[in-house]
Every structure is written in structure tokens, then in C-alpha cells.
C-alpha atoms as a PDB file:
ATOM      1  CA  MET A   1      11.429  -4.880   0.012  1.00  0.00           C
ATOM      2  CA  GLN A   2       8.002  -3.323   0.508  1.00  0.00           C
ATOM      3  CA  VAL A   3       9.584   0.095  -0.106  1.00  0.00           C
ATOM      4  CA  LEU A   4      10.786  -1.107  -3.511  1.00  0.00           C
ATOM      5  CA  ARG A   5       7.282  -2.278  -4.417  1.00  0.00           C
ATOM      6  CA  VAL A   6       5.781   1.072  -3.398  1.00  0.00           C
ATOM      7  CA  TYR A   7       8.407   2.927  -5.431  1.00  0.00           C
ATOM      8  CA  ILE A   8       7.805   0.719  -8.481  1.00  0.00           C
ATOM      9  CA  ARG A   9       4.030   1.279  -8.299  1.00  0.00           C
ATOM     10  CA  PHE A  10       4.524   5.047  -7.909  1.00  0.00           C
ATOM     11  CA  VAL A  11       6.943   5.380 -10.842  1.00  0.00           C
ATOM     12  CA  ASP A  12       4.956   3.034 -13.067  1.00  0.00           C
ATOM     13  CA  GLY A  13       1.795   5.019 -12.338  1.00  0.00           C
ATOM     14  CA  LEU A  14       3.506   8.355 -12.956  1.00  0.00           C
ATOM     15  CA  ASN A  15       5.034   7.316 -16.272  1.00  0.00           C
ATOM     16  CA  GLU A  16       1.829   5.592 -17.354  1.00  0.00           C
ATOM     17  CA  ARG A  17      -0.068   8.877 -16.889  1.00  0.00           C
ATOM     18  CA  VAL A  18       2.648  10.938 -18.579  1.00  0.00           C
ATOM     19  CA  GLY A  19       2.802   8.434 -21.438  1.00  0.00           C
ATOM     20  CA  ARG A  20      -0.946   8.557 -22.000  1.00  0.00           C
ATOM     21  CA  VAL A  21      -0.890  12.360 -22.133  1.00  0.00           C
ATOM     22  CA  VAL A  22       2.136  12.372 -24.440  1.00  0.00           C
ATOM     23  CA  SER A  23       0.479   9.817 -26.725  1.00  0.00           C
ATOM     24  CA  TRP A  24      -2.088  12.480 -27.604  1.00  0.00           C
ATOM     25  CA  LEU A  25       0.760  14.640 -28.888  1.00  0.00           C
ATOM     26  CA  THR A  26       1.221  12.094 -31.678  1.00  0.00           C
ATOM     27  CA  ALA A  27      -2.312  12.854 -32.894  1.00  0.00           C
ATOM     28  CA  VAL A  28      -1.523  16.564 -32.722  1.00  0.00           C
ATOM     29  CA  LEU A  29       1.711  15.947 -34.642  1.00  0.00           C
ATOM     30  CA  VAL A  30      -0.151  14.054 -37.387  1.00  0.00           C
ATOM     31  CA  ALA A  31      -2.641  16.924 -37.695  1.00  0.00           C
ATOM     32  CA  VAL A  32       0.162  19.515 -37.873  1.00  0.00           C
ATOM     33  CA  VAL A  33       2.035  17.520 -40.525  1.00  0.00           C
ATOM     34  CA  CYS A  34      -1.147  17.118 -42.590  1.00  0.00           C
ATOM     35  CA  TYR A  35      -1.786  20.849 -42.326  1.00  0.00           C
ATOM     36  CA  ASP A  36       1.812  21.596 -43.352  1.00  0.00           C
ATOM     37  CA  VAL A  37       1.638  19.240 -46.343  1.00  0.00           C
ATOM     38  CA  PHE A  38      -1.708  20.699 -47.420  1.00  0.00           C
ATOM     39  CA  THR A  39      -0.549  24.308 -47.201  1.00  0.00           C
ATOM     40  CA  ARG A  40       2.869  23.638 -48.695  1.00  0.00           C
ATOM     41  CA  TYR A  41       1.914  21.561 -51.711  1.00  0.00           C
ATOM     42  CA  LEU A  42      -1.646  22.595 -52.468  1.00  0.00           C
ATOM     43  CA  LEU A  43      -1.654  26.231 -51.410  1.00  0.00           C
ATOM     44  CA  LYS A  44       2.058  26.796 -52.178  1.00  0.00           C
ATOM     45  CA  ASN A  45       2.478  28.465 -48.797  1.00  0.00           C
ATOM     46  CA  SER A  46       4.364  27.247 -45.753  1.00  0.00           C
ATOM     47  CA  LEU A  47       4.965  28.744 -42.353  1.00  0.00           C
ATOM     48  CA  VAL A  48       8.256  28.373 -40.487  1.00  0.00           C
ATOM     49  CA  ALA A  49       6.337  28.181 -37.198  1.00  0.00           C
ATOM     50  CA  VAL A  50       4.387  25.138 -38.421  1.00  0.00           C
ATOM     51  CA  GLN A  51       7.568  23.363 -39.480  1.00  0.00           C
ATOM     52  CA  GLU A  52       9.202  24.150 -36.142  1.00  0.00           C
ATOM     53  CA  LEU A  53       6.091  22.980 -34.314  1.00  0.00           C
ATOM     54  CA  GLU A  54       6.503  19.604 -36.016  1.00  0.00           C
ATOM     55  CA  TRP A  55       9.974  19.022 -34.634  1.00  0.00           C
ATOM     56  CA  HIS A  56       9.072  20.540 -31.262  1.00  0.00           C
ATOM     57  CA  LEU A  57       6.210  18.067 -30.928  1.00  0.00           C
ATOM     58  CA  PHE A  58       8.443  15.204 -32.061  1.00  0.00           C
ATOM     59  CA  GLY A  59      11.059  16.217 -29.487  1.00  0.00           C
ATOM     60  CA  LEU A  60       8.461  16.328 -26.721  1.00  0.00           C
ATOM     61  CA  ILE A  61       7.050  12.946 -27.748  1.00  0.00           C
ATOM     62  CA  PHE A  62      10.502  11.383 -27.789  1.00  0.00           C
ATOM     63  CA  LEU A  63      11.779  12.958 -24.562  1.00  0.00           C
ATOM     64  CA  LEU A  64       8.662  12.615 -22.445  1.00  0.00           C
ATOM     65  CA  GLY A  65       7.669   9.239 -23.892  1.00  0.00           C
ATOM     66  CA  ALA A  66      11.006   7.476 -23.346  1.00  0.00           C
ATOM     67  CA  ALA A  67      10.202   6.461 -19.765  1.00  0.00           C
ATOM     68  CA  TYR A  68       6.795   5.133 -20.840  1.00  0.00           C
ATOM     69  CA  SER A  69       8.539   3.108 -23.533  1.00  0.00           C
ATOM     70  CA  LEU A  70      11.000   1.702 -20.982  1.00  0.00           C
ATOM     71  CA  LYS A  71       8.144   0.885 -18.606  1.00  0.00           C
ATOM     72  CA  HIS A  72       6.445  -1.201 -21.288  1.00  0.00           C
ATOM     73  CA  ASP A  73       9.746  -2.780 -22.418  1.00  0.00           C
ATOM     74  CA  GLN A  74       9.223  -1.328 -25.901  1.00  0.00           C
ATOM     75  CA  HIS A  75      12.588   0.412 -26.156  1.00  0.00           C
ATOM     76  CA  VAL A  76      15.249  -0.544 -28.669  1.00  0.00           C
ATOM     77  CA  ARG A  77      17.285  -3.526 -27.600  1.00  0.00           C
ATOM     78  CA  VAL A  78      19.490  -5.998 -29.406  1.00  0.00           C
ATOM     79  CA  ASP A  79      17.728  -9.257 -28.585  1.00  0.00           C
ATOM     80  CA  VAL A  80      20.250 -11.682 -30.055  1.00  0.00           C
ATOM     81  CA  PHE A  81      20.880 -13.305 -26.664  1.00  0.00           C
ATOM     82  CA  TYR A  82      18.445 -11.547 -24.330  1.00  0.00           C
ATOM     83  CA  SER A  83      15.318 -13.100 -25.860  1.00  0.00           C
ATOM     84  CA  ARG A  84      16.639 -16.577 -25.042  1.00  0.00           C
ATOM     85  CA  PHE A  85      17.503 -15.785 -21.429  1.00  0.00           C
ATOM     86  CA  SER A  86      15.504 -17.001 -18.459  1.00  0.00           C
ATOM     87  CA  ALA A  87      13.545 -14.437 -16.434  1.00  0.00           C
ATOM     88  CA  ARG A  88      16.289 -14.377 -13.792  1.00  0.00           C
ATOM     89  CA  LYS A  89      19.063 -13.770 -16.376  1.00  0.00           C
ATOM     90  CA  LYS A  90      16.972 -11.025 -17.994  1.00  0.00           C
ATOM     91  CA  ALA A  91      16.592  -9.452 -14.549  1.00  0.00           C
ATOM     92  CA  TRP A  92      20.372  -9.522 -14.088  1.00  0.00           C
ATOM     93  CA  VAL A  93      20.930  -7.913 -17.502  1.00  0.00           C
ATOM     94  CA  ASN A  94      18.340  -5.228 -16.712  1.00  0.00           C
ATOM     95  CA  LEU A  95      19.805  -4.569 -13.265  1.00  0.00           C
ATOM     96  CA  ILE A  96      23.393  -4.317 -14.478  1.00  0.00           C
ATOM     97  CA  GLY A  97      22.418  -2.289 -17.547  1.00  0.00           C
ATOM     98  CA  SER A  98      20.355   0.110 -15.464  1.00  0.00           C
ATOM     99  CA  VAL A  99      22.988   0.613 -12.780  1.00  0.00           C
ATOM    100  CA  LEU A 100      26.023   0.830 -15.060  1.00  0.00           C
ATOM    101  CA  PHE A 101      24.609   2.608 -18.099  1.00  0.00           C
ATOM    102  CA  LEU A 102      21.059   3.980 -17.910  1.00  0.00           C
ATOM    103  CA  ILE A 103      21.116   5.642 -14.487  1.00  0.00           C
ATOM    104  CA  PRO A 104      24.565   7.291 -14.850  1.00  0.00           C
ATOM    105  CA  PHE A 105      23.713   8.490 -18.377  1.00  0.00           C
ATOM    106  CA  CYS A 106      20.441  10.035 -17.160  1.00  0.00           C
ATOM    107  CA  ILE A 107      22.252  11.798 -14.321  1.00  0.00           C
ATOM    108  CA  ILE A 108      24.886  13.175 -16.712  1.00  0.00           C
ATOM    109  CA  VAL A 109      22.233  14.520 -19.105  1.00  0.00           C
ATOM    110  CA  ILE A 110      20.144  16.028 -16.288  1.00  0.00           C
ATOM    111  CA  VAL A 111      23.128  17.785 -14.718  1.00  0.00           C
ATOM    112  CA  SER A 112      24.685  18.947 -17.976  1.00  0.00           C
ATOM    113  CA  SER A 113      21.416  20.220 -19.447  1.00  0.00           C
ATOM    114  CA  GLN A 114      20.621  22.517 -16.522  1.00  0.00           C
ATOM    115  CA  TYR A 115      22.824  25.371 -17.717  1.00  0.00           C
ATOM    116  CA  PHE A 116      21.502  24.894 -21.253  1.00  0.00           C
ATOM    117  CA  VAL A 117      17.891  25.377 -20.109  1.00  0.00           C
ATOM    118  CA  VAL A 118      18.570  28.190 -17.633  1.00  0.00           C
ATOM    119  CA  SER A 119      20.651  30.053 -20.208  1.00  0.00           C
ATOM    120  CA  ALA A 120      17.883  29.774 -22.820  1.00  0.00           C
ATOM    121  CA  PHE A 121      15.342  31.028 -20.274  1.00  0.00           C
ATOM    122  CA  HIS A 122      17.443  33.997 -19.149  1.00  0.00           C
ATOM    123  CA  ILE A 123      18.099  35.245 -22.659  1.00  0.00           C
ATOM    124  CA  GLY A 124      14.505  34.602 -23.709  1.00  0.00           C
ATOM    125  CA  GLU A 125      15.678  32.385 -26.546  1.00  0.00           C
ATOM    126  CA  THR A 126      13.370  32.204 -29.528  1.00  0.00           C
ATOM    127  CA  SER A 127      13.686  30.708 -32.966  1.00  0.00           C
ATOM    128  CA  PRO A 128      16.506  32.239 -35.015  1.00  0.00           C
ATOM    129  CA  ASP A 129      14.275  32.033 -38.088  1.00  0.00           C
ATOM    130  CA  PRO A 130      11.841  34.826 -38.964  1.00  0.00           C
ATOM    131  CA  GLY A 131       8.332  33.634 -38.190  1.00  0.00           C
ATOM    132  CA  GLY A 132       9.612  30.868 -35.920  1.00  0.00           C
ATOM    133  CA  LEU A 133       8.271  29.863 -32.532  1.00  0.00           C
ATOM    134  CA  PRO A 134       8.975  31.867 -29.376  1.00  0.00           C
ATOM    135  CA  ALA A 135      10.026  30.517 -25.961  1.00  0.00           C
ATOM    136  CA  ARG A 136      12.458  27.868 -27.138  1.00  0.00           C
ATOM    137  CA  TRP A 137      13.452  27.360 -23.493  1.00  0.00           C
ATOM    138  CA  VAL A 138      10.183  25.467 -22.975  1.00  0.00           C
ATOM    139  CA  LEU A 139      11.303  22.800 -25.438  1.00  0.00           C
ATOM    140  CA  LYS A 140      14.779  22.751 -23.930  1.00  0.00           C
ATOM    141  CA  ALA A 141      13.271  22.286 -20.455  1.00  0.00           C
ATOM    142  CA  ALA A 142      11.815  19.003 -21.708  1.00  0.00           C
ATOM    143  CA  ILE A 143      15.349  17.582 -21.893  1.00  0.00           C
ATOM    144  CA  PRO A 144      16.025  17.367 -18.149  1.00  0.00           C
ATOM    145  CA  LEU A 145      12.354  16.634 -17.449  1.00  0.00           C
ATOM    146  CA  GLY A 146      12.337  13.697 -19.861  1.00  0.00           C
ATOM    147  CA  PHE A 147      15.562  12.356 -18.405  1.00  0.00           C
ATOM    148  CA  VAL A 148      14.255  12.724 -14.840  1.00  0.00           C
ATOM    149  CA  LEU A 149      11.267  10.581 -15.839  1.00  0.00           C
ATOM    150  CA  LEU A 150      13.625   8.108 -17.523  1.00  0.00           C
ATOM    151  CA  LEU A 151      15.887   8.082 -14.452  1.00  0.00           C
ATOM    152  CA  LEU A 152      12.929   7.356 -12.181  1.00  0.00           C
ATOM    153  CA  GLN A 153      11.788   4.541 -14.485  1.00  0.00           C
ATOM    154  CA  GLY A 154      15.356   3.214 -14.709  1.00  0.00           C
ATOM    155  CA  LEU A 155      15.505   3.078 -10.921  1.00  0.00           C
ATOM    156  CA  GLY A 156      12.136   1.318 -11.002  1.00  0.00           C
ATOM    157  CA  LEU A 157      13.509  -1.188 -13.510  1.00  0.00           C
ATOM    158  CA  ALA A 158      16.512  -1.810 -11.263  1.00  0.00           C
ATOM    159  CA  CYS A 159      14.199  -2.332  -8.266  1.00  0.00           C
ATOM    160  CA  ARG A 160      11.930  -4.650 -10.266  1.00  0.00           C
ATOM    161  CA  SER A 161      14.979  -6.595 -11.454  1.00  0.00           C
ATOM    162  CA  LEU A 162      16.298  -6.918  -7.922  1.00  0.00           C
ATOM    163  CA  LEU A 163      12.962  -8.325  -6.787  1.00  0.00           C
ATOM    164  CA  ALA A 164      12.903 -10.725  -9.747  1.00  0.00           C
ATOM    165  CA  ILE A 165      16.394 -11.938  -8.897  1.00  0.00           C
ATOM    166  CA  ARG A 166      15.175 -12.609  -5.359  1.00  0.00           C
ATOM    167  CA  ASP A 167      12.146 -14.464  -6.830  1.00  0.00           C
ATOM    168  CA  GLU A 168       9.691 -12.006  -5.358  1.00  0.00           C
ATOM    169  CA  GLU A 169       6.492 -10.821  -6.980  1.00  0.00           C
ATOM    170  CA  VAL A 170       6.414  -7.121  -7.785  1.00  0.00           C
ATOM    171  CA  GLY A 171       2.685  -6.530  -8.077  1.00  0.00           C
ATOM    172  CA  GLY A 172       1.004  -3.489  -9.608  1.00  0.00           C
END
């Protein structure tokens, strides 16, 4: 059980650091959107690259921040019954949900996105729009990376749930 605690501390620490870095991208996104609104509506000029940068940043925030959100139990959940459960029942729900749904889904996305990313890299994919951003493969590479982080955190959640079911303190 000590191995599970070490793993949980490692994954929690990793996703905490990644989440803190990614949180700064939200400030960058706000600045980019303000710039886009200013140039579009006041200067009557808009750049495709700025608009693409907005959704690239949003994609990075979503993909790389998902594991951080799971770590802090801030993800979307239907709490009709879950909120009334005891800690042990919540641990069972989290364990079963992680093992049956979250972990397999992450593995499927990681495996199936590999060709997508490698293909984009090999062809040097860029924006199809004139004036768009280059190196679209960088954004696409965030898909498997984000799901690897989510997979690691999902495994951490399963480990934490297993310890909770056994009435053991996790620590960290």
C-alpha cells in the first residue's frame, strides 16, 4: 500500500505543477481575446492568427488542465446521488468509474490519437486559412499528452479510492 501512496503523491504533484502552469494560459487567453475584440471592433481589423490562437489556447487549457480539475474534484459530475453518499460509497463510485470508464477511455484516446499527431507532424500541417498559425501538430500533440496526464490522475484516483475503501489515510 505504500507504493500506492507514493504513486498518488507523485501524480498529484505532477498535475498540480502542470495545472498551475496551465492556469497562466487563461490570463494569456483573456489578453488575446481583449486584443482581438479591440482590433476587430475598434480598429476594424482582425487577424486569422489571433483568432486561431484563441482556440489553440482554449484547447491547451482544456486538455492539459483536465487532470488538474480531476485532482481537485472540480470536474463535471451529476451529483444527484453522489453528494449524499458516505466517503466509502463515494470511493467505490470513483474506483468503479475510473476502472470501467475513465482509464479505458484515456487509453483509447491516447492510442487512437498517435497516428493523428504523427501524421500532422510528418506533413508539417499548418492552418488551412491564409494568415493562420503554423505547426498545428503542436496543438494536436496536446491531445495524447493531456490524456496521459488524465490517465495518470485517473489511476491516482483509483488508488486513492482503494485506500479509502480500506480505511487507510492517503497523505500528501
